[in-house]
N, C-alpha and C. Protein backbone atom coordinates (compact mmCIF):
# COMPACT_ATOMS: atom_id res chain seq x y z
N MET A 1 -143.40 66.75 18.67
CA MET A 1 -143.30 67.32 17.50
C MET A 1 -144.49 66.98 16.66
N GLN A 2 -144.82 68.19 16.20
CA GLN A 2 -146.60 68.30 16.04
C GLN A 2 -146.76 67.30 14.49
N ASP A 3 -147.13 66.11 14.33
CA ASP A 3 -147.76 65.14 13.09
C ASP A 3 -147.65 66.34 11.62
N GLN A 4 -147.72 65.55 10.91
CA GLN A 4 -147.84 66.20 9.09
C GLN A 4 -149.79 66.71 9.72
N ALA A 5 -150.30 65.67 9.86
CA ALA A 5 -151.91 65.94 10.00
C ALA A 5 -152.22 67.13 11.05
N ASP A 6 -151.67 67.35 12.10
CA ASP A 6 -151.77 68.41 12.60
C ASP A 6 -151.36 69.34 12.09
N SER A 7 -150.12 69.60 11.87
CA SER A 7 -149.78 70.48 10.59
C SER A 7 -150.46 70.95 9.88
N GLU A 8 -151.23 69.89 8.77
CA GLU A 8 -151.79 70.39 8.08
C GLU A 8 -153.09 71.45 8.33
N GLN A 9 -153.75 70.83 9.81
CA GLN A 9 -155.09 70.87 10.37
C GLN A 9 -154.82 72.60 10.62
N TYR A 10 -153.82 72.69 11.22
CA TYR A 10 -152.97 74.34 11.76
C TYR A 10 -153.14 74.91 10.45
N ILE A 11 -152.51 74.70 9.43
CA ILE A 11 -152.25 75.84 8.46
C ILE A 11 -153.75 76.08 7.44
N LEU A 12 -154.64 74.57 7.75
CA LEU A 12 -156.03 75.05 6.85
C LEU A 12 -156.58 76.05 7.83
N ASP A 13 -156.54 75.81 9.32
CA ASP A 13 -157.52 76.66 9.78
C ASP A 13 -157.00 78.32 9.50
N GLY A 14 -155.36 78.51 10.09
CA GLY A 14 -155.26 79.73 9.85
C GLY A 14 -155.62 80.09 8.27
N SER A 15 -155.52 79.90 7.62
CA SER A 15 -156.33 80.35 6.33
C SER A 15 -157.51 80.97 6.10
N ARG A 16 -158.49 79.90 7.17
CA ARG A 16 -159.65 79.97 6.97
C ARG A 16 -159.73 81.66 7.90
N GLN A 17 -159.08 81.82 8.61
CA GLN A 17 -158.94 82.68 10.04
C GLN A 17 -158.45 83.68 9.33
N TRP A 18 -157.69 84.06 8.19
CA TRP A 18 -156.88 84.96 7.34
C TRP A 18 -158.20 85.40 6.35
N ALA A 19 -158.82 84.83 5.67
CA ALA A 19 -160.14 84.88 4.96
C ALA A 19 -161.21 85.25 5.70
N GLU A 20 -161.87 85.08 6.90
CA GLU A 20 -162.51 85.46 7.55
C GLU A 20 -162.17 86.68 8.21
N SER A 21 -160.81 87.22 8.62
CA SER A 21 -160.52 88.19 9.14
C SER A 21 -161.02 89.77 8.27
N VAL A 22 -161.07 89.57 6.84
CA VAL A 22 -161.37 90.71 5.47
C VAL A 22 -162.92 91.17 6.26
N SER A 23 -163.37 90.48 6.25
CA SER A 23 -164.76 90.51 6.68
C SER A 23 -164.80 91.36 7.94
N SER A 24 -164.07 90.94 8.87
CA SER A 24 -164.44 91.15 10.52
C SER A 24 -163.74 92.32 11.30
N GLY A 25 -162.19 92.62 10.14
CA GLY A 25 -161.59 93.13 10.78
C GLY A 25 -160.41 92.88 12.18
N ASP A 26 -161.26 91.69 12.45
CA ASP A 26 -159.73 90.89 13.53
C ASP A 26 -158.39 90.67 12.93
N THR A 27 -157.82 90.91 13.56
CA THR A 27 -156.69 91.09 12.98
C THR A 27 -155.43 89.69 14.10
N THR A 28 -156.45 89.36 15.23
CA THR A 28 -155.47 89.04 16.21
C THR A 28 -154.98 87.42 16.02
N ASP A 29 -155.79 86.68 14.89
CA ASP A 29 -155.41 85.33 14.17
C ASP A 29 -153.77 85.63 12.96
N LEU A 30 -154.53 86.79 12.52
CA LEU A 30 -152.98 87.85 11.57
C LEU A 30 -152.18 87.78 12.38
N GLU A 31 -151.99 88.38 13.64
CA GLU A 31 -150.59 88.86 14.08
C GLU A 31 -150.01 87.24 14.24
N ARG A 32 -150.45 85.87 14.59
CA ARG A 32 -149.81 85.69 15.46
C ARG A 32 -149.37 83.99 14.07
N ILE A 33 -150.24 84.14 12.94
CA ILE A 33 -149.94 82.85 11.59
C ILE A 33 -149.07 84.04 10.59
N ILE A 34 -148.94 84.98 10.92
CA ILE A 34 -148.05 86.20 9.52
C ILE A 34 -146.51 86.36 10.28
N ALA A 35 -145.70 85.77 9.81
CA ALA A 35 -144.64 86.14 10.24
C ALA A 35 -143.95 87.78 10.34
N ASP A 36 -143.09 88.07 10.89
CA ASP A 36 -142.44 89.57 10.65
C ASP A 36 -142.19 89.60 9.45
N ASP A 37 -141.40 88.81 8.84
CA ASP A 37 -140.66 89.09 7.93
C ASP A 37 -141.35 88.75 6.31
N PHE A 38 -142.95 88.46 6.12
CA PHE A 38 -143.52 88.07 5.51
C PHE A 38 -143.60 89.30 4.43
N VAL A 39 -143.68 88.76 3.21
CA VAL A 39 -144.29 89.98 2.13
C VAL A 39 -144.75 88.93 0.90
N GLY A 40 -145.88 89.65 0.83
CA GLY A 40 -147.43 89.45 0.02
C GLY A 40 -147.41 89.80 -1.31
N VAL A 41 -147.73 89.53 -2.25
CA VAL A 41 -147.95 90.40 -3.61
C VAL A 41 -149.31 90.61 -3.91
N ASP A 42 -150.61 91.30 -4.43
CA ASP A 42 -152.16 91.38 -4.32
C ASP A 42 -152.24 91.31 -5.70
N PRO A 43 -153.35 91.19 -6.10
CA PRO A 43 -154.02 90.72 -7.44
C PRO A 43 -153.75 91.89 -8.55
N HIS A 44 -153.02 92.99 -7.73
CA HIS A 44 -152.86 94.43 -8.75
C HIS A 44 -150.71 93.82 -9.42
N GLY A 45 -150.49 93.18 -8.44
CA GLY A 45 -148.85 93.11 -8.97
C GLY A 45 -147.90 94.38 -7.58
N ASN A 46 -148.88 94.61 -6.87
CA ASN A 46 -148.12 95.26 -5.36
C ASN A 46 -147.50 94.58 -4.44
N PHE A 47 -146.69 94.88 -4.25
CA PHE A 47 -146.04 94.18 -2.70
C PHE A 47 -146.42 94.56 -1.45
N TYR A 48 -146.58 94.05 -0.47
CA TYR A 48 -147.09 94.96 1.01
C TYR A 48 -146.53 93.64 2.43
N ASP A 49 -146.30 94.33 3.36
CA ASP A 49 -145.55 93.90 4.39
C ASP A 49 -146.82 93.21 5.67
N LYS A 50 -145.91 92.80 6.33
CA LYS A 50 -147.28 92.63 7.26
C LYS A 50 -148.00 93.53 8.33
N ALA A 51 -147.05 94.42 8.35
CA ALA A 51 -148.10 95.86 8.76
C ALA A 51 -149.00 96.41 8.22
N MET A 52 -148.62 96.56 6.84
CA MET A 52 -149.49 97.19 5.49
C MET A 52 -150.68 96.00 5.50
N MET A 53 -150.46 94.57 5.69
CA MET A 53 -151.59 93.53 5.80
C MET A 53 -152.37 93.64 7.08
N LEU A 54 -151.99 94.13 8.26
CA LEU A 54 -152.63 94.31 9.29
C LEU A 54 -153.81 95.71 9.06
N SER A 55 -153.26 96.33 8.68
CA SER A 55 -153.96 97.95 8.30
C SER A 55 -155.11 97.55 7.10
N ILE A 56 -154.59 96.80 6.52
CA ILE A 56 -155.71 96.84 5.52
C ILE A 56 -156.80 95.82 5.71
N THR A 57 -156.44 95.22 6.52
CA THR A 57 -157.67 93.67 7.26
C THR A 57 -158.78 94.77 8.73
N ARG A 58 -157.72 95.14 9.07
CA ARG A 58 -158.57 96.57 10.21
C ARG A 58 -159.32 96.99 9.03
N GLY A 59 -159.55 97.63 7.96
CA GLY A 59 -160.63 98.51 7.28
C GLY A 59 -161.36 97.26 6.34
N GLY A 60 -161.10 96.44 6.60
CA GLY A 60 -161.41 95.37 5.90
C GLY A 60 -163.47 95.64 6.10
N PRO A 61 -164.28 96.06 7.07
CA PRO A 61 -165.49 95.44 7.27
C PRO A 61 -165.87 96.49 6.65
N GLN A 62 -165.20 97.84 6.28
CA GLN A 62 -166.14 99.17 5.34
C GLN A 62 -166.15 98.18 3.93
N TYR A 63 -165.44 97.52 3.40
CA TYR A 63 -165.78 96.95 2.24
C TYR A 63 -166.30 95.69 1.84
N PHE A 64 -166.01 95.08 2.72
CA PHE A 64 -166.57 93.77 3.29
C PHE A 64 -167.34 92.96 3.84
N ALA A 65 -168.40 92.52 3.18
CA ALA A 65 -169.68 92.09 3.57
C ALA A 65 -169.35 90.11 4.12
N SER A 66 -168.78 89.71 3.68
CA SER A 66 -168.19 88.45 3.74
C SER A 66 -166.84 87.95 3.12
N ASN A 67 -166.39 87.11 3.06
CA ASN A 67 -165.05 86.13 2.48
C ASN A 67 -164.64 85.01 3.07
N GLN A 68 -165.42 84.19 2.52
CA GLN A 68 -165.62 82.85 3.14
C GLN A 68 -164.25 81.54 1.90
N ILE A 69 -163.57 80.81 2.96
CA ILE A 69 -163.00 79.92 2.28
C ILE A 69 -163.19 78.84 1.16
N GLY A 70 -162.52 78.53 0.35
CA GLY A 70 -162.91 77.06 -0.56
C GLY A 70 -162.56 76.42 -0.44
N THR A 71 -161.81 75.72 -1.09
CA THR A 71 -160.92 74.45 -1.40
C THR A 71 -159.39 74.64 -1.12
N VAL A 72 -159.05 74.54 -0.14
CA VAL A 72 -157.62 73.92 -0.20
C VAL A 72 -156.53 73.42 -0.09
N GLN A 73 -155.60 73.23 -0.53
CA GLN A 73 -154.41 71.92 -0.94
C GLN A 73 -153.63 72.45 -0.22
N VAL A 74 -152.93 71.69 1.07
CA VAL A 74 -151.60 71.62 1.83
C VAL A 74 -150.50 70.57 0.93
N ARG A 75 -148.98 70.96 0.47
CA ARG A 75 -148.42 70.21 0.31
C ARG A 75 -147.57 70.69 0.97
N PHE A 76 -146.07 69.68 1.71
CA PHE A 76 -145.11 69.85 2.96
C PHE A 76 -143.68 69.45 2.09
N PHE A 77 -142.79 70.20 2.19
CA PHE A 77 -141.18 69.94 1.84
C PHE A 77 -140.57 70.21 2.98
N GLY A 78 -140.54 69.26 3.70
CA GLY A 78 -139.79 69.74 5.19
C GLY A 78 -140.22 70.36 6.44
N GLU A 79 -139.49 71.61 6.12
CA GLU A 79 -139.84 72.42 7.07
C GLU A 79 -141.03 73.63 6.43
N THR A 80 -140.85 73.56 5.12
CA THR A 80 -142.25 74.21 4.62
C THR A 80 -143.23 74.01 4.05
N ALA A 81 -144.35 74.54 3.79
CA ALA A 81 -145.47 73.94 3.02
C ALA A 81 -145.90 75.10 2.59
N ILE A 82 -146.89 74.29 1.15
CA ILE A 82 -147.40 75.39 0.65
C ILE A 82 -148.60 75.21 0.56
N ALA A 83 -149.48 76.38 1.11
CA ALA A 83 -150.86 76.09 0.38
C ALA A 83 -151.50 77.00 -0.45
N GLN A 84 -152.53 76.28 -1.48
CA GLN A 84 -153.03 76.90 -2.37
C GLN A 84 -154.52 76.80 -2.56
N GLY A 85 -155.41 78.12 -2.81
CA GLY A 85 -156.75 78.13 -2.27
C GLY A 85 -157.25 78.45 -3.26
N GLU A 86 -158.67 78.80 -2.72
CA GLU A 86 -159.72 80.02 -3.05
C GLU A 86 -160.98 80.23 -2.32
N GLU A 87 -160.74 81.61 -2.53
CA GLU A 87 -161.97 82.12 -1.33
C GLU A 87 -163.13 83.29 -2.56
N THR A 88 -164.59 83.22 -1.80
CA THR A 88 -165.11 84.13 -2.22
C THR A 88 -165.33 85.11 -1.59
N TRP A 89 -165.63 86.56 -1.96
CA TRP A 89 -166.15 87.54 -1.09
C TRP A 89 -167.27 88.21 -1.87
N VAL A 90 -168.06 88.95 -1.19
CA VAL A 90 -168.95 90.15 -1.32
C VAL A 90 -169.23 91.50 -0.37
N THR A 91 -169.10 92.58 -0.70
CA THR A 91 -169.10 93.54 -0.57
C THR A 91 -170.36 93.94 -0.41
N HIS A 92 -170.18 95.29 0.96
CA HIS A 92 -171.42 95.68 1.02
C HIS A 92 -172.58 96.10 -0.06
N ARG A 93 -173.77 96.36 0.12
CA ARG A 93 -175.14 96.44 -0.69
C ARG A 93 -174.47 98.14 -0.91
N GLY A 94 -174.95 98.26 -2.43
CA GLY A 94 -174.92 99.74 -2.19
C GLY A 94 -173.93 99.88 -3.69
N ASP A 95 -172.80 99.55 -3.41
CA ASP A 95 -172.18 98.55 -4.68
C ASP A 95 -171.65 97.05 -4.57
N ALA A 96 -172.68 96.63 -4.42
CA ALA A 96 -172.41 95.32 -4.01
C ALA A 96 -171.86 94.49 -5.03
N ARG A 97 -170.78 93.72 -4.94
CA ARG A 97 -170.12 92.93 -5.78
C ARG A 97 -169.95 91.83 -5.27
N THR A 98 -169.80 90.50 -6.42
CA THR A 98 -169.15 89.30 -5.97
C THR A 98 -167.90 88.70 -6.58
N GLY A 99 -166.93 88.24 -5.64
CA GLY A 99 -166.06 87.96 -6.29
C GLY A 99 -165.18 86.83 -5.96
N ARG A 100 -163.99 86.00 -6.46
CA ARG A 100 -163.65 85.45 -6.62
C ARG A 100 -161.80 84.71 -6.37
N PHE A 101 -160.99 85.32 -5.14
CA PHE A 101 -159.47 85.27 -4.95
C PHE A 101 -159.09 83.83 -5.20
N VAL A 102 -157.77 83.71 -6.06
CA VAL A 102 -156.90 82.18 -6.20
C VAL A 102 -155.73 82.49 -5.24
N TRP A 103 -154.71 82.15 -4.51
CA TRP A 103 -153.63 82.08 -3.62
C TRP A 103 -152.92 80.98 -3.21
N THR A 104 -151.73 81.57 -2.99
CA THR A 104 -150.50 80.46 -2.83
C THR A 104 -149.96 81.16 -1.51
N ASP A 105 -149.34 80.49 -0.61
CA ASP A 105 -149.35 80.82 0.60
C ASP A 105 -148.51 80.43 1.26
N THR A 106 -147.16 80.25 1.46
CA THR A 106 -145.90 79.46 1.43
C THR A 106 -145.45 79.96 2.90
N TRP A 107 -145.93 78.65 3.51
CA TRP A 107 -145.70 78.26 5.37
C TRP A 107 -144.11 78.21 5.81
N VAL A 108 -143.29 78.09 6.73
CA VAL A 108 -142.07 77.74 6.80
C VAL A 108 -142.04 77.74 8.32
N ARG A 109 -141.96 76.44 8.91
CA ARG A 109 -141.80 76.12 10.76
C ARG A 109 -140.14 76.73 10.89
N ARG A 110 -140.81 77.49 12.09
CA ARG A 110 -140.04 77.97 12.91
C ARG A 110 -139.69 77.82 14.30
N ASP A 111 -138.79 77.38 14.53
CA ASP A 111 -139.15 77.51 16.52
C ASP A 111 -140.64 76.45 16.65
N GLY A 112 -140.53 76.25 15.96
CA GLY A 112 -141.81 75.04 16.02
C GLY A 112 -143.34 75.17 16.11
N LYS A 113 -142.85 76.24 15.51
CA LYS A 113 -144.41 77.48 14.97
C LYS A 113 -144.28 77.25 13.31
N TRP A 114 -145.21 77.50 13.20
CA TRP A 114 -145.73 77.20 11.44
C TRP A 114 -146.70 79.12 11.21
N GLN A 115 -145.37 79.84 9.86
CA GLN A 115 -145.88 81.09 10.13
C GLN A 115 -146.41 81.59 8.05
N ILE A 116 -146.78 82.33 7.86
CA ILE A 116 -146.74 82.30 6.29
C ILE A 116 -145.46 83.50 6.32
N VAL A 117 -145.11 83.38 5.09
CA VAL A 117 -143.99 84.28 5.00
C VAL A 117 -143.77 84.73 3.79
N ALA A 118 -144.91 84.37 3.18
CA ALA A 118 -144.72 84.99 1.45
C ALA A 118 -146.41 84.47 0.75
N ALA A 119 -147.31 85.43 0.39
CA ALA A 119 -148.34 85.23 -0.40
C ALA A 119 -148.40 85.88 -1.50
N GLN A 120 -149.21 85.32 -2.47
CA GLN A 120 -149.16 85.77 -3.79
C GLN A 120 -151.00 85.85 -4.40
N ASP A 121 -151.51 86.85 -4.29
CA ASP A 121 -152.85 86.49 -4.44
C ASP A 121 -153.10 86.68 -5.79
N ALA A 122 -154.69 86.36 -6.76
CA ALA A 122 -154.58 86.46 -8.07
C ALA A 122 -156.26 86.76 -8.08
N MET A 123 -156.99 87.74 -8.70
CA MET A 123 -158.43 87.89 -8.99
C MET A 123 -159.02 86.64 -10.26
N ALA A 124 -159.57 85.88 -9.73
CA ALA A 124 -160.09 84.91 -10.59
C ALA A 124 -161.09 85.54 -11.29
N LYS A 125 -162.29 86.06 -10.87
CA LYS A 125 -163.46 86.72 -10.87
C LYS A 125 -163.96 87.78 -9.89
N ILE A 126 -164.56 88.62 -10.89
CA ILE A 126 -165.46 89.40 -9.78
C ILE A 126 -167.22 89.95 -11.00
N GLY A 127 -167.95 89.89 -10.04
CA GLY A 127 -169.63 89.82 -10.86
C GLY A 127 -170.48 90.58 -9.66
N GLU A 128 -171.49 90.75 -10.24
CA GLU A 128 -172.55 91.60 -9.48
C GLU A 128 -173.21 90.30 -8.56
N PRO A 129 -173.96 90.72 -7.61
CA PRO A 129 -174.88 89.56 -6.57
C PRO A 129 -175.92 88.85 -7.58
């Protein structure tokens, strides 16, 4: 069984992988870390599922030049973990903008695997580069 330090590192790595996938379009890590019954809420209050997140991620590189994770805090409650963090993004030149998301992801350990079952995103800042 994984100890808490290993679990925390896995969740931190997964959070970074999700952030970076937005600008790379690579969904390999997301397919592993997002649960099939996942439900998220975007900054506009819209709900999305795993299939929609994978589709949005594949198209991300046409909009995002980069998306970098910032500070992330992980708290454990038995087989559940809450990760709260931030990420900053930059869109492509032409309509280049910068921004900052803050988010909360709910991770659950099922059959020995940590996966995200819920996410809530909020826009903290939008600006010019």
